[in-house]
Amino acid sequence: MLAPFAAVACWLLYLHSVTWYWMGNPQFAAYNLAEPLNAVRILLVLARRFFQLGVADFHWVATAVLILAVFRYGALRERPWRLAGAVVLGYLIFHCVVGGAVLLRYMLPAIALFYVATAAALNFVAPRIRTAALTLFVAGLAVSNWWNPRYRFASYEDNLAVTDFIQLQLTAATWLSEHAPNRTVTTAWPLTDALSTPLLGYVSHPLQVNPVENFQPESWKKVDASRLEVVALYSRSWDRPPGWQDWPPLARLLQKYFNYARQLPREELIQRFHLRSAARWERRGQWMEIFVIW
């Protein structure tokens, strides 16, 4: 039991000896430890975690099976299952108070236990229900690898959309290496790292970058127009048509606690900085565009 804590303690000691910060740098500590400690945000993240675990990617089918097995057939009420449920709940709560990004991959241990419980619950329901639920659940999980969600706060990492994201970044990095190797590229993370760090495999030689925090209007107000040479703009999240997420009270919550806001419109960016489109690529709802100064 103590071995994992000892390993983490050794890593923190080494990290502090190299960087003089226990978490590596103060920005990381603020984003992952200080900023999440807000009561409203914790409740919102908890709702999103329950959605990720029990609803998204056809998990609602498994949740329905679990509810049926527990409340109709009295299944999974033994002490080991109660302990497993406590572990999952504790894990969810832990990731509500620690961590700035609400990513699905952080939930993998809880998801594994959720699948184990679902498999056990299927043994208690009627054969016809078992066959229908299992077929729908497995098919839904498979389809969800390519079926992109309609809500904007979903991450590209939640399914194979991340491969399109990486391919667009690689395409842009290759184009910039060939057409603008000596010019400064203004863009946002992670493309900034892809262009400036050959070790990541996107470029053979580092390119000069002028980083912006994101592509939202407030970030562009901080940009010095005189430094602009090349701008690489891309979709950093799902750019969905206006809908329920744009309801003002909800939109304010999403922006305040998760920094979800629409990017500065392409046309407005072009007009403000006198840009001209030099290249553009699109892949299944995502896009990348390179601009140069007139």
Protein backbone atom coordinates (compact mmCIF):
# COMPACT_ATOMS: atom_id res chain seq x y z
CA MET A 1 0.00 0.00 0.00
CA LEU A 2 2.83 2.39 0.80
CA ALA A 3 4.84 1.68 -2.37
CA PRO A 4 2.80 4.00 -4.67
CA PHE A 5 3.01 6.85 -2.15
CA ALA A 6 6.76 6.32 -1.82
CA ALA A 7 7.16 6.42 -5.61
CA VAL A 8 5.16 9.65 -5.87
CA ALA A 9 7.15 11.18 -3.01
CA CYS A 10 10.44 10.33 -4.75
CA TRP A 11 9.19 11.87 -7.98
CA LEU A 12 8.10 15.08 -6.22
CA LEU A 13 11.46 15.35 -4.47
CA TYR A 14 13.28 14.94 -7.78
CA LEU A 15 10.95 17.45 -9.49
CA HIS A 16 11.55 19.99 -6.75
CA SER A 17 15.32 19.50 -6.91
CA VAL A 18 15.30 20.22 -10.66
CA THR A 19 12.69 22.99 -10.97
CA TRP A 20 12.49 24.36 -7.39
CA TYR A 21 8.74 23.84 -7.55
CA TRP A 22 6.91 20.85 -6.12
CA MET A 23 4.58 20.70 -9.12
CA GLY A 24 7.16 21.61 -11.76
CA ASN A 25 6.06 25.23 -12.22
CA PRO A 26 3.59 27.61 -10.53
CA GLN A 27 1.29 27.70 -13.59
CA PHE A 28 0.77 23.94 -13.43
CA ALA A 29 0.05 24.09 -9.70
CA ALA A 30 -2.42 26.94 -10.12
CA TYR A 31 -4.27 25.27 -13.01
CA ASN A 32 -4.49 21.81 -11.46
CA LEU A 33 -4.62 22.47 -7.71
CA ALA A 34 -5.69 26.03 -6.89
CA GLU A 35 -8.21 26.98 -9.59
CA PRO A 36 -10.33 23.79 -9.32
CA LEU A 37 -11.03 24.46 -5.61
CA ASN A 38 -14.28 26.32 -6.17
CA ALA A 39 -17.56 24.95 -4.85
CA VAL A 40 -19.59 25.77 -7.95
CA ARG A 41 -16.93 24.39 -10.27
CA ILE A 42 -16.66 21.19 -8.24
CA LEU A 43 -20.40 20.58 -8.58
CA LEU A 44 -20.28 21.29 -12.33
CA VAL A 45 -17.31 18.97 -12.81
CA LEU A 46 -19.06 16.28 -10.76
CA ALA A 47 -22.07 16.52 -13.08
CA ARG A 48 -19.78 16.21 -16.10
CA ARG A 49 -17.96 13.23 -14.55
CA PHE A 50 -21.25 11.43 -13.93
CA PHE A 51 -22.22 12.19 -17.52
CA GLN A 52 -18.92 10.82 -18.83
CA LEU A 53 -19.22 7.67 -16.75
CA GLY A 54 -22.93 6.92 -16.90
CA VAL A 55 -24.33 8.54 -20.06
CA ALA A 56 -21.82 9.40 -22.79
CA ASP A 57 -20.76 6.92 -25.48
CA PHE A 58 -23.88 4.78 -24.94
CA HIS A 59 -22.95 4.26 -21.28
CA TRP A 60 -26.59 5.04 -20.54
CA VAL A 61 -27.37 1.49 -21.68
CA ALA A 62 -25.04 0.05 -19.03
CA THR A 63 -26.44 2.43 -16.42
CA ALA A 64 -29.97 1.22 -17.18
CA VAL A 65 -28.84 -2.39 -16.80
CA LEU A 66 -27.16 -1.63 -13.46
CA ILE A 67 -30.25 0.13 -12.12
CA LEU A 68 -32.47 -2.75 -13.22
CA ALA A 69 -30.19 -5.39 -11.70
CA VAL A 70 -29.75 -3.57 -8.39
CA PHE A 71 -33.28 -2.34 -7.72
CA ARG A 72 -35.35 -5.09 -9.32
CA TYR A 73 -33.22 -8.18 -8.77
CA GLY A 74 -31.27 -7.09 -5.69
CA ALA A 75 -27.93 -7.75 -7.38
CA LEU A 76 -24.50 -6.29 -6.62
CA ARG A 77 -25.34 -5.47 -3.02
CA GLU A 78 -22.60 -7.54 -1.42
CA ARG A 79 -19.75 -5.85 0.44
CA PRO A 80 -17.18 -6.19 -2.42
CA TRP A 81 -19.53 -4.39 -4.80
CA ARG A 82 -20.28 -1.68 -2.27
CA LEU A 83 -16.54 -1.23 -1.84
CA ALA A 84 -16.08 -1.01 -5.63
CA GLY A 85 -18.84 1.60 -5.80
CA ALA A 86 -17.16 3.61 -3.04
CA VAL A 87 -13.86 3.48 -4.92
CA VAL A 88 -15.51 4.75 -8.11
CA LEU A 89 -17.32 7.54 -6.25
CA GLY A 90 -14.14 8.54 -4.42
CA TYR A 91 -12.23 8.57 -7.69
CA LEU A 92 -14.88 10.82 -9.28
CA ILE A 93 -14.80 13.23 -6.37
CA PHE A 94 -10.99 13.29 -6.38
CA HIS A 95 -10.96 14.33 -10.03
CA CYS A 96 -13.51 17.03 -9.29
CA VAL A 97 -11.23 18.83 -6.84
CA VAL A 98 -7.91 18.15 -8.60
CA GLY A 99 -7.10 18.83 -12.24
CA GLY A 100 -7.96 21.71 -14.54
CA ALA A 101 -8.93 19.71 -17.62
CA VAL A 102 -12.05 17.52 -17.42
CA LEU A 103 -10.72 14.81 -19.72
CA LEU A 104 -12.26 11.39 -20.19
CA ARG A 105 -8.92 9.58 -20.03
CA TYR A 106 -8.52 10.55 -16.38
CA MET A 107 -11.55 8.34 -15.70
CA LEU A 108 -10.10 5.08 -17.05
CA PRO A 109 -9.81 3.24 -13.69
CA ALA A 110 -13.43 4.15 -12.81
CA ILE A 111 -14.61 3.18 -16.30
CA ALA A 112 -12.93 -0.22 -15.95
CA LEU A 113 -14.85 -0.92 -12.73
CA PHE A 114 -18.03 0.37 -14.38
CA TYR A 115 -17.61 -2.18 -17.18
CA VAL A 116 -16.92 -4.98 -14.72
CA ALA A 117 -20.08 -4.12 -12.78
CA THR A 118 -22.08 -3.96 -16.01
CA ALA A 119 -20.86 -7.41 -17.04
CA ALA A 120 -21.90 -8.80 -13.64
CA ALA A 121 -25.28 -7.04 -13.78
CA LEU A 122 -26.06 -8.56 -17.18
CA ASN A 123 -26.11 -12.00 -15.56
CA PHE A 124 -29.11 -11.02 -13.42
CA VAL A 125 -31.45 -9.63 -16.10
CA ALA A 126 -33.70 -11.63 -18.40
CA PRO A 127 -31.95 -13.25 -21.41
CA ARG A 128 -33.87 -11.15 -23.92
CA ILE A 129 -32.96 -7.92 -22.12
CA ARG A 130 -29.37 -9.12 -21.73
CA THR A 131 -28.96 -9.78 -25.46
CA ALA A 132 -30.57 -6.49 -26.51
CA ALA A 133 -28.65 -4.40 -23.99
CA LEU A 134 -25.29 -6.03 -24.72
CA THR A 135 -25.75 -5.67 -28.49
CA LEU A 136 -26.75 -2.01 -28.23
CA PHE A 137 -23.99 -1.22 -25.74
CA VAL A 138 -21.17 -2.82 -27.73
CA ALA A 139 -22.42 -1.37 -31.02
CA GLY A 140 -22.79 2.05 -29.41
CA LEU A 141 -19.25 1.95 -28.01
CA ALA A 142 -17.90 1.06 -31.45
CA VAL A 143 -19.89 3.77 -33.24
CA SER A 144 -18.85 6.37 -30.66
CA ASN A 145 -15.26 6.06 -31.89
CA TRP A 146 -16.33 7.96 -35.03
CA TRP A 147 -19.63 9.58 -34.04
CA ASN A 148 -18.69 13.02 -32.76
CA PRO A 149 -20.82 14.46 -29.93
CA ARG A 150 -23.08 17.44 -30.48
CA TYR A 151 -22.08 19.27 -27.31
CA ARG A 152 -19.18 21.70 -27.50
CA PHE A 153 -17.47 20.76 -24.22
CA ALA A 154 -16.54 17.29 -25.52
CA SER A 155 -12.83 16.86 -26.10
CA TYR A 156 -11.27 15.64 -29.33
CA GLU A 157 -9.54 13.06 -27.14
CA ASP A 158 -12.87 11.39 -26.33
CA ASN A 159 -12.78 9.43 -29.60
CA LEU A 160 -10.85 9.07 -32.85
CA ALA A 161 -11.39 12.75 -33.66
CA VAL A 162 -7.99 13.21 -32.02
CA THR A 163 -6.38 11.52 -35.03
CA ASP A 164 -7.90 14.17 -37.32
CA PHE A 165 -6.62 16.87 -34.96
CA ILE A 166 -3.09 15.44 -35.06
CA GLN A 167 -3.17 15.06 -38.84
CA LEU A 168 -4.22 18.71 -39.29
CA GLN A 169 -1.42 19.84 -36.98
CA LEU A 170 1.08 17.72 -38.92
CA THR A 171 -0.17 19.06 -42.27
CA ALA A 172 0.14 22.64 -41.07
CA ALA A 173 3.59 22.05 -39.57
CA THR A 174 4.82 20.54 -42.83
CA TRP A 175 3.41 23.44 -44.87
CA LEU A 176 4.93 26.05 -42.55
CA SER A 177 8.32 24.31 -42.61
CA GLU A 178 8.31 24.47 -46.40
CA HIS A 179 6.74 27.91 -47.00
CA ALA A 180 7.59 29.96 -43.89
CA PRO A 181 10.69 28.42 -42.26
CA ASN A 182 12.16 31.79 -41.21
CA ARG A 183 8.98 33.59 -40.20
CA THR A 184 7.36 33.83 -36.78
CA VAL A 185 4.12 31.88 -36.47
CA THR A 186 1.47 33.23 -34.13
CA THR A 187 -0.71 30.40 -32.83
CA ALA A 188 -1.90 28.61 -29.70
CA TRP A 189 -0.88 25.45 -27.86
CA PRO A 190 -0.42 22.63 -28.76
CA LEU A 191 0.64 23.78 -32.22
CA THR A 192 3.21 26.08 -30.59
CA ASP A 193 4.99 23.02 -29.15
CA ALA A 194 4.62 21.05 -32.38
CA LEU A 195 6.36 23.82 -34.34
CA SER A 196 9.10 24.65 -31.83
CA THR A 197 10.03 21.15 -30.62
CA PRO A 198 11.41 18.78 -33.29
CA LEU A 199 11.43 15.97 -30.74
CA LEU A 200 7.63 15.76 -31.10
CA GLY A 201 8.02 14.71 -34.73
CA TYR A 202 6.11 17.46 -36.52
CA VAL A 203 9.12 19.45 -37.79
CA SER A 204 12.75 18.65 -38.46
CA HIS A 205 13.94 22.11 -37.38
CA PRO A 206 12.32 24.41 -34.81
CA LEU A 207 10.21 27.30 -36.07
CA GLN A 208 9.85 30.62 -34.28
CA VAL A 209 6.49 30.96 -32.56
CA ASN A 210 4.56 33.82 -30.98
CA PRO A 211 2.15 32.06 -28.59
CA VAL A 212 -1.36 33.24 -27.75
CA GLU A 213 -3.35 31.69 -24.91
CA ASN A 214 -6.26 30.75 -27.16
CA PHE A 215 -8.22 32.15 -30.10
CA GLN A 216 -10.96 33.84 -28.09
CA PRO A 217 -11.52 37.61 -28.49
CA GLU A 218 -9.83 38.53 -25.18
CA SER A 219 -6.59 36.79 -26.19
CA TRP A 220 -6.38 38.60 -29.52
CA LYS A 221 -6.63 41.96 -27.70
CA LYS A 222 -3.24 41.20 -26.12
CA VAL A 223 -1.54 40.49 -29.46
CA ASP A 224 0.93 43.06 -30.80
CA ALA A 225 -0.10 43.46 -34.45
CA SER A 226 3.39 44.64 -35.37
CA ARG A 227 4.77 41.18 -34.49
CA LEU A 228 2.42 39.29 -36.77
CA GLU A 229 3.97 37.58 -39.78
CA VAL A 230 2.09 34.29 -40.07
CA VAL A 231 -1.02 33.21 -38.16
CA ALA A 232 -2.03 29.57 -37.79
CA LEU A 233 -5.67 29.39 -36.76
CA TYR A 234 -7.49 26.14 -36.06
CA SER A 235 -10.50 24.65 -34.32
CA ARG A 236 -9.48 23.94 -30.73
CA SER A 237 -12.88 22.53 -29.77
CA TRP A 238 -16.06 21.48 -31.53
CA ASP A 239 -17.48 24.48 -33.34
CA ARG A 240 -21.17 23.63 -33.08
CA PRO A 241 -24.09 25.75 -34.35
CA PRO A 242 -25.80 27.91 -31.71
CA GLY A 243 -27.92 25.81 -29.38
CA TRP A 244 -28.67 25.00 -25.75
CA GLN A 245 -25.06 25.63 -24.72
CA ASP A 246 -25.47 29.27 -25.78
CA TRP A 247 -28.30 29.84 -23.30
CA PRO A 248 -26.85 32.91 -21.46
CA PRO A 249 -26.80 31.52 -17.87
CA LEU A 250 -25.22 28.24 -19.02
CA ALA A 251 -22.83 29.98 -21.40
CA ARG A 252 -21.62 32.20 -18.56
CA LEU A 253 -20.99 29.18 -16.33
CA LEU A 254 -19.09 27.34 -19.07
CA GLN A 255 -16.93 30.37 -19.79
CA LYS A 256 -16.27 31.27 -16.15
CA TYR A 257 -15.36 27.82 -14.88
CA PHE A 258 -14.14 26.00 -18.01
CA ASN A 259 -13.07 28.86 -20.29
CA TYR A 260 -15.46 27.69 -23.00
CA ALA A 261 -16.16 30.52 -25.40
CA ARG A 262 -16.36 30.81 -29.15
CA GLN A 263 -13.24 31.81 -31.05
CA LEU A 264 -12.97 35.21 -32.65
CA PRO A 265 -14.79 34.92 -36.00
CA ARG A 266 -12.46 34.31 -38.91
CA GLU A 267 -13.74 37.34 -40.84
CA GLU A 268 -13.21 39.66 -37.89
CA LEU A 269 -9.66 38.37 -37.39
CA ILE A 270 -8.87 38.97 -41.08
CA GLN A 271 -10.21 42.49 -40.93
CA ARG A 272 -8.54 43.41 -37.65
CA PHE A 273 -5.02 42.27 -38.60
CA HIS A 274 -5.19 42.63 -42.41
CA LEU A 275 -4.67 38.94 -43.06
CA ARG A 276 -4.84 36.87 -46.23
CA SER A 277 -5.57 33.16 -46.28
CA ALA A 278 -2.61 31.18 -47.64
CA ALA A 279 -3.76 27.60 -46.98
CA ARG A 280 -6.69 25.77 -45.42
CA TRP A 281 -7.48 22.13 -44.59
CA GLU A 282 -10.57 20.43 -43.16
CA ARG A 283 -11.15 16.97 -41.70
CA ARG A 284 -14.54 15.78 -40.44
CA GLY A 285 -15.66 18.95 -38.69
CA GLN A 286 -12.21 20.25 -37.76
CA TRP A 287 -10.15 22.77 -39.69
CA MET A 288 -6.78 24.49 -39.89
CA GLU A 289 -6.00 27.72 -41.75
CA ILE A 290 -2.78 29.64 -42.34
CA PHE A 291 -2.84 33.41 -42.78
CA VAL A 292 -0.17 35.87 -43.86
CA ILE A 293 -0.06 39.63 -43.64
CA TRP A 294 -1.11 41.54 -46.73
